[in-house]
Amino acid sequence: MTPHINAKKEDIANVVLMPGDPLRAKKIAETYLTDVKLVNDVRNMFMYTGTYKGKKITIAGSGMGCPSIGIYSYELFKFYDVDCIIRIGSAGSYKAGINVYDIYNVKDAFGESNYAKIAANLDGNIVPAGEKLFNLIEQTAAELNIKTHTGTAHSSDVFYRYEDSLAFAAKNNLDVVEMESFALFANAIVTNKQAACLLTISDSFITKEVTTAEERQNNFMTMVELSLQTGVKVAR
């Protein structure tokens, strides 16, 4: 156990899929896994372990923002022998052609905080996804005939921004915005593990389309299925 996870070590799989919302973790686990067991409930950050296509998989909430996913992903990598974490979440699109419900596989995360320097002694504000896991997602997407966009995601610490978001995105060549991948990728590097981030576009700064919380919980299942099909390839 850790200060934030009360699961037994053997109850966490070596592959973890990580939505931000613990209720989304519950929905995914109950929809796709068999023999599902709630293995963590500290602070209501639910984590579930079960079986998918004969392989053990854990679905774990991360909370919102780099500090929250930073705690949970580090503890899973460091103390629970997790080999890879795939964040599965939502993002806003900064670009025409990346539309609501499209799937985005983050190649690099652009962060504005000093999280990567403090946690992993990484300089600069761009941290890459794990190359092997990123490529495996792309391979699996091709096998499933699922189209993905890739590139640099803005891993923002601020949801309500003072500066014009589209101007900031254009200046830094950013495609989409979310809030967690920068910390996740940094933790993977410092622990010598693999991390990836799959996103479904929930809103667009270009078209002004917005999805509801219920739609985000229930209608992002293509992304979830892609993450599961990737996960079973590396699950023990």
C-alpha atoms as a PDB file:
ATOM      1  CA  MET A   1       0.000   0.000   0.000  1.00  0.00           C
ATOM      2  CA  THR A   2       0.947   3.654  -0.420  1.00  0.00           C
ATOM      3  CA  PRO A   3      -0.445   6.828   1.165  1.00  0.00           C
ATOM      4  CA  HIS A   4      -2.909   7.141  -1.734  1.00  0.00           C
ATOM      5  CA  ILE A   5      -3.595   3.555  -2.861  1.00  0.00           C
ATOM      6  CA  ASN A   6      -4.828   0.836  -0.497  1.00  0.00           C
ATOM      7  CA  ALA A   7      -4.713  -1.996  -3.036  1.00  0.00           C
ATOM      8  CA  LYS A   8      -2.605  -5.046  -2.419  1.00  0.00           C
ATOM      9  CA  LYS A   9       0.362  -5.228  -4.769  1.00  0.00           C
ATOM     10  CA  GLU A  10      -0.939  -8.372  -6.444  1.00  0.00           C
ATOM     11  CA  ASP A  11      -4.316  -6.725  -7.137  1.00  0.00           C
ATOM     12  CA  ILE A  12      -2.849  -4.240  -9.638  1.00  0.00           C
ATOM     13  CA  ALA A  13      -2.120  -5.457 -13.183  1.00  0.00           C
ATOM     14  CA  ASN A  14       1.083  -4.567 -15.012  1.00  0.00           C
ATOM     15  CA  VAL A  15      -1.054  -2.621 -17.523  1.00  0.00           C
ATOM     16  CA  VAL A  16      -3.185   0.264 -16.256  1.00  0.00           C
ATOM     17  CA  LEU A  17      -5.701   2.308 -18.226  1.00  0.00           C
ATOM     18  CA  MET A  18      -6.210   5.676 -16.561  1.00  0.00           C
ATOM     19  CA  PRO A  19      -9.233   7.913 -17.126  1.00  0.00           C
ATOM     20  CA  GLY A  20      -9.385  11.072 -15.059  1.00  0.00           C
ATOM     21  CA  ASP A  21     -12.872  10.517 -13.666  1.00  0.00           C
ATOM     22  CA  PRO A  22     -13.171   7.624 -11.178  1.00  0.00           C
ATOM     23  CA  LEU A  23     -16.809   7.149 -12.263  1.00  0.00           C
ATOM     24  CA  ARG A  24     -15.579   6.702 -15.815  1.00  0.00           C
ATOM     25  CA  ALA A  25     -13.160   4.074 -14.509  1.00  0.00           C
ATOM     26  CA  LYS A  26     -16.129   2.291 -12.924  1.00  0.00           C
ATOM     27  CA  LYS A  27     -18.143   2.482 -16.165  1.00  0.00           C
ATOM     28  CA  ILE A  28     -15.265   1.110 -18.259  1.00  0.00           C
ATOM     29  CA  ALA A  29     -14.467  -1.702 -15.842  1.00  0.00           C
ATOM     30  CA  GLU A  30     -18.075  -2.836 -15.525  1.00  0.00           C
ATOM     31  CA  THR A  31     -18.610  -2.647 -19.305  1.00  0.00           C
ATOM     32  CA  TYR A  32     -15.504  -4.434 -20.544  1.00  0.00           C
ATOM     33  CA  LEU A  33     -13.900  -6.499 -17.789  1.00  0.00           C
ATOM     34  CA  THR A  34     -14.960  -9.797 -16.261  1.00  0.00           C
ATOM     35  CA  ASP A  35     -14.341 -10.828 -12.651  1.00  0.00           C
ATOM     36  CA  VAL A  36     -14.124  -7.142 -11.759  1.00  0.00           C
ATOM     37  CA  LYS A  37     -12.851  -6.197  -8.309  1.00  0.00           C
ATOM     38  CA  LEU A  38     -12.656  -2.748  -6.698  1.00  0.00           C
ATOM     39  CA  VAL A  39      -9.053  -2.620  -5.472  1.00  0.00           C
ATOM     40  CA  ASN A  40      -8.713   1.007  -4.351  1.00  0.00           C
ATOM     41  CA  ASP A  41     -11.170   3.462  -2.847  1.00  0.00           C
ATOM     42  CA  VAL A  42      -8.934   5.943  -1.019  1.00  0.00           C
ATOM     43  CA  ARG A  43     -10.375   9.456  -1.558  1.00  0.00           C
ATOM     44  CA  ASN A  44     -12.936   7.783  -3.852  1.00  0.00           C
ATOM     45  CA  MET A  45     -10.247   7.468  -6.538  1.00  0.00           C
ATOM     46  CA  PHE A  46     -11.612   4.134  -7.685  1.00  0.00           C
ATOM     47  CA  MET A  47      -9.367   1.492  -9.234  1.00  0.00           C
ATOM     48  CA  TYR A  48     -10.720  -1.765 -10.636  1.00  0.00           C
ATOM     49  CA  THR A  49      -8.947  -4.912 -11.769  1.00  0.00           C
ATOM     50  CA  GLY A  50     -10.462  -7.593 -13.956  1.00  0.00           C
ATOM     51  CA  THR A  51      -9.914  -9.694 -17.044  1.00  0.00           C
ATOM     52  CA  TYR A  52     -10.123  -8.681 -20.686  1.00  0.00           C
ATOM     53  CA  LYS A  53      -9.578 -11.347 -23.359  1.00  0.00           C
ATOM     54  CA  GLY A  54      -7.854 -13.539 -20.791  1.00  0.00           C
ATOM     55  CA  LYS A  55      -5.454 -10.849 -19.570  1.00  0.00           C
ATOM     56  CA  LYS A  56      -5.404  -8.983 -16.275  1.00  0.00           C
ATOM     57  CA  ILE A  57      -6.049  -5.243 -16.691  1.00  0.00           C
ATOM     58  CA  THR A  58      -6.482  -2.426 -14.151  1.00  0.00           C
ATOM     59  CA  ILE A  59      -8.663   0.615 -14.773  1.00  0.00           C
ATOM     60  CA  ALA A  60      -7.713   3.467 -12.432  1.00  0.00           C
ATOM     61  CA  GLY A  61      -8.938   7.006 -11.959  1.00  0.00           C
ATOM     62  CA  SER A  62      -6.246   9.693 -11.937  1.00  0.00           C
ATOM     63  CA  GLY A  63      -8.065  12.872 -10.983  1.00  0.00           C
ATOM     64  CA  MET A  64      -7.508  16.152 -12.810  1.00  0.00           C
ATOM     65  CA  GLY A  65      -4.203  17.873 -13.472  1.00  0.00           C
ATOM     66  CA  CYS A  66      -0.521  17.033 -13.318  1.00  0.00           C
ATOM     67  CA  PRO A  67      -0.230  16.947  -9.499  1.00  0.00           C
ATOM     68  CA  SER A  68      -3.015  14.361  -9.205  1.00  0.00           C
ATOM     69  CA  ILE A  69      -1.966  12.001 -11.991  1.00  0.00           C
ATOM     70  CA  GLY A  70       1.611  12.589 -10.887  1.00  0.00           C
ATOM     71  CA  ILE A  71       0.930  11.015  -7.492  1.00  0.00           C
ATOM     72  CA  TYR A  72      -1.041   8.019  -8.745  1.00  0.00           C
ATOM     73  CA  SER A  73       1.110   7.189 -11.768  1.00  0.00           C
ATOM     74  CA  TYR A  74       4.360   7.422  -9.781  1.00  0.00           C
ATOM     75  CA  GLU A  75       3.059   5.144  -7.044  1.00  0.00           C
ATOM     76  CA  LEU A  76       1.792   2.631  -9.601  1.00  0.00           C
ATOM     77  CA  PHE A  77       5.070   2.620 -11.521  1.00  0.00           C
ATOM     78  CA  LYS A  78       7.337   2.633  -8.463  1.00  0.00           C
ATOM     79  CA  PHE A  79       5.537   0.511  -5.874  1.00  0.00           C
ATOM     80  CA  TYR A  80       3.115  -1.708  -7.832  1.00  0.00           C
ATOM     81  CA  ASP A  81       5.410  -2.935 -10.639  1.00  0.00           C
ATOM     82  CA  VAL A  82       3.199  -1.417 -13.335  1.00  0.00           C
ATOM     83  CA  ASP A  83       4.966  -1.581 -16.706  1.00  0.00           C
ATOM     84  CA  CYS A  84       2.781   0.760 -18.706  1.00  0.00           C
ATOM     85  CA  ILE A  85       0.008   3.277 -18.197  1.00  0.00           C
ATOM     86  CA  ILE A  86      -2.269   4.494 -20.972  1.00  0.00           C
ATOM     87  CA  ARG A  87      -4.097   7.659 -20.017  1.00  0.00           C
ATOM     88  CA  ILE A  88      -7.529   7.734 -21.670  1.00  0.00           C
ATOM     89  CA  GLY A  89      -9.208  11.090 -21.515  1.00  0.00           C
ATOM     90  CA  SER A  90     -10.794  14.027 -23.236  1.00  0.00           C
ATOM     91  CA  ALA A  91      -9.242  17.017 -24.958  1.00  0.00           C
ATOM     92  CA  GLY A  92     -10.118  20.266 -26.644  1.00  0.00           C
ATOM     93  CA  SER A  93      -9.091  20.757 -30.264  1.00  0.00           C
ATOM     94  CA  TYR A  94      -7.091  23.801 -31.301  1.00  0.00           C
ATOM     95  CA  LYS A  95      -7.103  22.902 -35.007  1.00  0.00           C
ATOM     96  CA  ALA A  96      -9.513  22.598 -37.885  1.00  0.00           C
ATOM     97  CA  GLY A  97      -9.621  18.995 -39.031  1.00  0.00           C
ATOM     98  CA  ILE A  98      -9.374  17.604 -35.493  1.00  0.00           C
ATOM     99  CA  ASN A  99     -13.043  17.350 -34.626  1.00  0.00           C
ATOM    100  CA  VAL A 100     -15.308  16.282 -31.769  1.00  0.00           C
ATOM    101  CA  TYR A 101     -15.104  12.496 -31.193  1.00  0.00           C
ATOM    102  CA  ASP A 102     -11.846  12.172 -33.178  1.00  0.00           C
ATOM    103  CA  ILE A 103      -9.091  10.180 -31.435  1.00  0.00           C
ATOM    104  CA  TYR A 104      -5.696  11.692 -30.699  1.00  0.00           C
ATOM    105  CA  ASN A 105      -2.586   9.698 -29.754  1.00  0.00           C
ATOM    106  CA  VAL A 106      -0.209  12.084 -27.995  1.00  0.00           C
ATOM    107  CA  LYS A 107       3.347  11.915 -29.300  1.00  0.00           C
ATOM    108  CA  ASP A 108       4.711  14.731 -27.119  1.00  0.00           C
ATOM    109  CA  ALA A 109       3.297  16.680 -24.183  1.00  0.00           C
ATOM    110  CA  PHE A 110       3.958  20.404 -23.863  1.00  0.00           C
ATOM    111  CA  GLY A 111       3.825  21.583 -20.257  1.00  0.00           C
ATOM    112  CA  GLU A 112       4.121  25.022 -18.705  1.00  0.00           C
ATOM    113  CA  SER A 113       5.026  23.927 -15.178  1.00  0.00           C
ATOM    114  CA  ASN A 114       8.304  22.761 -13.673  1.00  0.00           C
ATOM    115  CA  TYR A 115       6.823  19.336 -12.852  1.00  0.00           C
ATOM    116  CA  ALA A 116       9.151  17.420 -15.192  1.00  0.00           C
ATOM    117  CA  LYS A 117      12.231  19.156 -13.811  1.00  0.00           C
ATOM    118  CA  ILE A 118      11.302  18.581 -10.173  1.00  0.00           C
ATOM    119  CA  ALA A 119      10.010  15.007 -10.567  1.00  0.00           C
ATOM    120  CA  ALA A 120      12.362  13.664 -13.233  1.00  0.00           C
ATOM    121  CA  ASN A 121      15.186  16.214 -13.704  1.00  0.00           C
ATOM    122  CA  LEU A 122      14.039  16.810 -17.277  1.00  0.00           C
ATOM    123  CA  ASP A 123      14.815  20.157 -18.851  1.00  0.00           C
ATOM    124  CA  GLY A 124      12.537  21.917 -21.301  1.00  0.00           C
ATOM    125  CA  ASN A 125       8.773  21.942 -21.622  1.00  0.00           C
ATOM    126  CA  ILE A 126       8.246  19.019 -24.016  1.00  0.00           C
ATOM    127  CA  VAL A 127       8.210  15.408 -22.794  1.00  0.00           C
ATOM    128  CA  PRO A 128       7.650  12.474 -25.192  1.00  0.00           C
ATOM    129  CA  ALA A 129       5.357   9.511 -24.802  1.00  0.00           C
ATOM    130  CA  GLY A 130       6.979   6.108 -24.499  1.00  0.00           C
ATOM    131  CA  GLU A 131       8.040   5.293 -28.053  1.00  0.00           C
ATOM    132  CA  LYS A 132       7.224   1.582 -27.891  1.00  0.00           C
ATOM    133  CA  LEU A 133       3.755   2.138 -26.439  1.00  0.00           C
ATOM    134  CA  PHE A 134       2.976   5.021 -28.792  1.00  0.00           C
ATOM    135  CA  ASN A 135       3.923   2.867 -31.788  1.00  0.00           C
ATOM    136  CA  LEU A 136       1.953  -0.100 -30.472  1.00  0.00           C
ATOM    137  CA  ILE A 137      -1.167   2.066 -30.229  1.00  0.00           C
ATOM    138  CA  GLU A 138      -0.673   3.228 -33.819  1.00  0.00           C
ATOM    139  CA  GLN A 139      -0.196  -0.371 -34.976  1.00  0.00           C
ATOM    140  CA  THR A 140      -3.310  -1.519 -33.114  1.00  0.00           C
ATOM    141  CA  ALA A 141      -5.356   1.384 -34.460  1.00  0.00           C
ATOM    142  CA  ALA A 142      -4.375   0.404 -38.005  1.00  0.00           C
ATOM    143  CA  GLU A 143      -5.397  -3.211 -37.338  1.00  0.00           C
ATOM    144  CA  LEU A 144      -8.784  -2.027 -36.039  1.00  0.00           C
ATOM    145  CA  ASN A 145      -9.227   0.513 -38.844  1.00  0.00           C
ATOM    146  CA  ILE A 146      -9.399   3.352 -36.324  1.00  0.00           C
ATOM    147  CA  LYS A 147      -8.115   6.717 -37.497  1.00  0.00           C
ATOM    148  CA  THR A 148      -5.869   8.596 -35.076  1.00  0.00           C
ATOM    149  CA  HIS A 149      -4.337  12.056 -35.105  1.00  0.00           C
ATOM    150  CA  THR A 150      -0.901  12.474 -33.523  1.00  0.00           C
ATOM    151  CA  GLY A 151       1.388  15.309 -32.527  1.00  0.00           C
ATOM    152  CA  THR A 152       1.932  17.638 -29.590  1.00  0.00           C
ATOM    153  CA  ALA A 153      -0.677  18.075 -26.885  1.00  0.00           C
ATOM    154  CA  HIS A 154      -0.829  21.079 -24.598  1.00  0.00           C
ATOM    155  CA  SER A 155      -0.817  19.673 -21.069  1.00  0.00           C
ATOM    156  CA  SER A 156      -2.169  22.768 -19.369  1.00  0.00           C
ATOM    157  CA  ASP A 157      -2.316  23.563 -15.669  1.00  0.00           C
ATOM    158  CA  VAL A 158      -5.019  26.171 -16.277  1.00  0.00           C
ATOM    159  CA  PHE A 159      -8.526  25.394 -17.506  1.00  0.00           C
ATOM    160  CA  TYR A 160      -9.741  29.004 -17.589  1.00  0.00           C
ATOM    161  CA  ARG A 161      -6.978  30.853 -19.381  1.00  0.00           C
ATOM    162  CA  TYR A 162      -6.364  34.618 -19.441  1.00  0.00           C
ATOM    163  CA  GLU A 163      -4.347  34.563 -22.683  1.00  0.00           C
ATOM    164  CA  ASP A 164      -6.146  33.729 -25.942  1.00  0.00           C
ATOM    165  CA  SER A 165      -5.911  29.953 -26.229  1.00  0.00           C
ATOM    166  CA  LEU A 166      -5.731  29.747 -30.003  1.00  0.00           C
ATOM    167  CA  ALA A 167      -2.962  32.341 -30.151  1.00  0.00           C
ATOM    168  CA  PHE A 168      -0.998  30.402 -27.536  1.00  0.00           C
ATOM    169  CA  ALA A 169      -1.524  27.150 -29.442  1.00  0.00           C
ATOM    170  CA  ALA A 170      -0.406  28.659 -32.744  1.00  0.00           C
ATOM    171  CA  LYS A 171       2.706  30.156 -31.143  1.00  0.00           C
ATOM    172  CA  ASN A 172       3.734  26.789 -29.702  1.00  0.00           C
ATOM    173  CA  ASN A 173       2.474  24.492 -32.518  1.00  0.00           C
ATOM    174  CA  LEU A 174      -0.029  22.676 -30.311  1.00  0.00           C
ATOM    175  CA  ASP A 175      -2.895  20.528 -31.638  1.00  0.00           C
ATOM    176  CA  VAL A 176      -5.070  19.778 -28.609  1.00  0.00           C
ATOM    177  CA  VAL A 177      -5.293  20.616 -24.925  1.00  0.00           C
ATOM    178  CA  GLU A 178      -5.638  18.356 -21.870  1.00  0.00           C
ATOM    179  CA  MET A 179      -4.195  18.475 -18.360  1.00  0.00           C
ATOM    180  CA  GLU A 180      -2.274  15.325 -17.399  1.00  0.00           C
ATOM    181  CA  SER A 181       0.097  13.816 -19.968  1.00  0.00           C
ATOM    182  CA  PHE A 182       3.132  15.996 -19.131  1.00  0.00           C
ATOM    183  CA  ALA A 183       3.375  14.548 -15.618  1.00  0.00           C
ATOM    184  CA  LEU A 184       2.542  11.004 -16.700  1.00  0.00           C
ATOM    185  CA  PHE A 185       5.268  10.973 -19.351  1.00  0.00           C
ATOM    186  CA  ALA A 186       7.835  12.464 -16.962  1.00  0.00           C
ATOM    187  CA  ASN A 187       7.082   9.795 -14.346  1.00  0.00           C
ATOM    188  CA  ALA A 188       7.439   7.042 -16.935  1.00  0.00           C
ATOM    189  CA  ILE A 189      10.848   8.328 -17.938  1.00  0.00           C
ATOM    190  CA  VAL A 190      12.190   8.635 -14.385  1.00  0.00           C
ATOM    191  CA  THR A 191      10.967   5.127 -13.479  1.00  0.00           C
ATOM    192  CA  ASN A 192      12.040   3.593 -16.820  1.00  0.00           C
ATOM    193  CA  LYS A 193       8.496   2.558 -17.700  1.00  0.00           C
ATOM    194  CA  GLN A 194       6.180   3.179 -20.680  1.00  0.00           C
ATOM    195  CA  ALA A 195       3.349   5.712 -20.841  1.00  0.00           C
ATOM    196  CA  ALA A 196       0.946   6.869 -23.522  1.00  0.00           C
ATOM    197  CA  CYS A 197      -2.038   9.169 -23.741  1.00  0.00           C
ATOM    198  CA  LEU A 198      -5.104   8.527 -25.879  1.00  0.00           C
ATOM    199  CA  LEU A 199      -7.643  11.337 -26.097  1.00  0.00           C
ATOM    200  CA  THR A 200     -11.102  11.741 -27.544  1.00  0.00           C
ATOM    201  CA  ILE A 201     -11.912  15.267 -28.636  1.00  0.00           C
ATOM    202  CA  SER A 202     -14.686  16.576 -26.408  1.00  0.00           C
ATOM    203  CA  ASP A 203     -14.838  20.162 -27.642  1.00  0.00           C
ATOM    204  CA  SER A 204     -13.409  22.387 -30.336  1.00  0.00           C
ATOM    205  CA  PHE A 205     -12.024  25.907 -30.081  1.00  0.00           C
ATOM    206  CA  ILE A 206     -12.664  26.168 -33.832  1.00  0.00           C
ATOM    207  CA  THR A 207     -16.261  24.947 -34.240  1.00  0.00           C
ATOM    208  CA  LYS A 208     -17.308  25.715 -30.631  1.00  0.00           C
ATOM    209  CA  GLU A 209     -18.866  22.221 -30.309  1.00  0.00           C
ATOM    210  CA  VAL A 210     -19.004  20.911 -26.735  1.00  0.00           C
ATOM    211  CA  THR A 211     -19.941  17.481 -25.346  1.00  0.00           C
ATOM    212  CA  THR A 212     -21.689  16.927 -22.025  1.00  0.00           C
ATOM    213  CA  ALA A 213     -20.248  15.089 -19.023  1.00  0.00           C
ATOM    214  CA  GLU A 214     -22.647  12.214 -19.711  1.00  0.00           C
ATOM    215  CA  GLU A 215     -21.516  12.009 -23.336  1.00  0.00           C
ATOM    216  CA  ARG A 216     -17.889  11.958 -22.237  1.00  0.00           C
ATOM    217  CA  GLN A 217     -18.604   9.122 -19.811  1.00  0.00           C
ATOM    218  CA  ASN A 218     -20.645   6.986 -22.189  1.00  0.00           C
ATOM    219  CA  ASN A 219     -19.617   7.779 -25.778  1.00  0.00           C
ATOM    220  CA  PHE A 220     -15.833   7.623 -25.821  1.00  0.00           C
ATOM    221  CA  MET A 221     -15.747   3.862 -26.171  1.00  0.00           C
ATOM    222  CA  THR A 222     -13.773   3.629 -29.437  1.00  0.00           C
ATOM    223  CA  MET A 223     -10.808   5.117 -27.570  1.00  0.00           C
ATOM    224  CA  VAL A 224     -11.383   2.723 -24.677  1.00  0.00           C
ATOM    225  CA  GLU A 225     -11.501  -0.299 -26.984  1.00  0.00           C
ATOM    226  CA  LEU A 226      -8.296   0.812 -28.703  1.00  0.00           C
ATOM    227  CA  SER A 227      -6.554   1.126 -25.334  1.00  0.00           C
ATOM    228  CA  LEU A 228      -7.802  -2.286 -24.214  1.00  0.00           C
ATOM    229  CA  GLN A 229      -6.733  -3.984 -27.441  1.00  0.00           C
ATOM    230  CA  THR A 230      -3.305  -2.381 -27.056  1.00  0.00           C
ATOM    231  CA  GLY A 231      -3.103  -3.282 -23.386  1.00  0.00           C
ATOM    232  CA  VAL A 232      -3.679  -6.998 -23.866  1.00  0.00           C
ATOM    233  CA  LYS A 233      -0.629  -7.126 -26.131  1.00  0.00           C
ATOM    234  CA  VAL A 234       1.637  -6.204 -23.234  1.00  0.00           C
ATOM    235  CA  ALA A 235      -0.337  -7.557 -20.270  1.00  0.00           C
ATOM    236  CA  ARG A 236       1.146 -10.485 -18.418  1.00  0.00           C
END
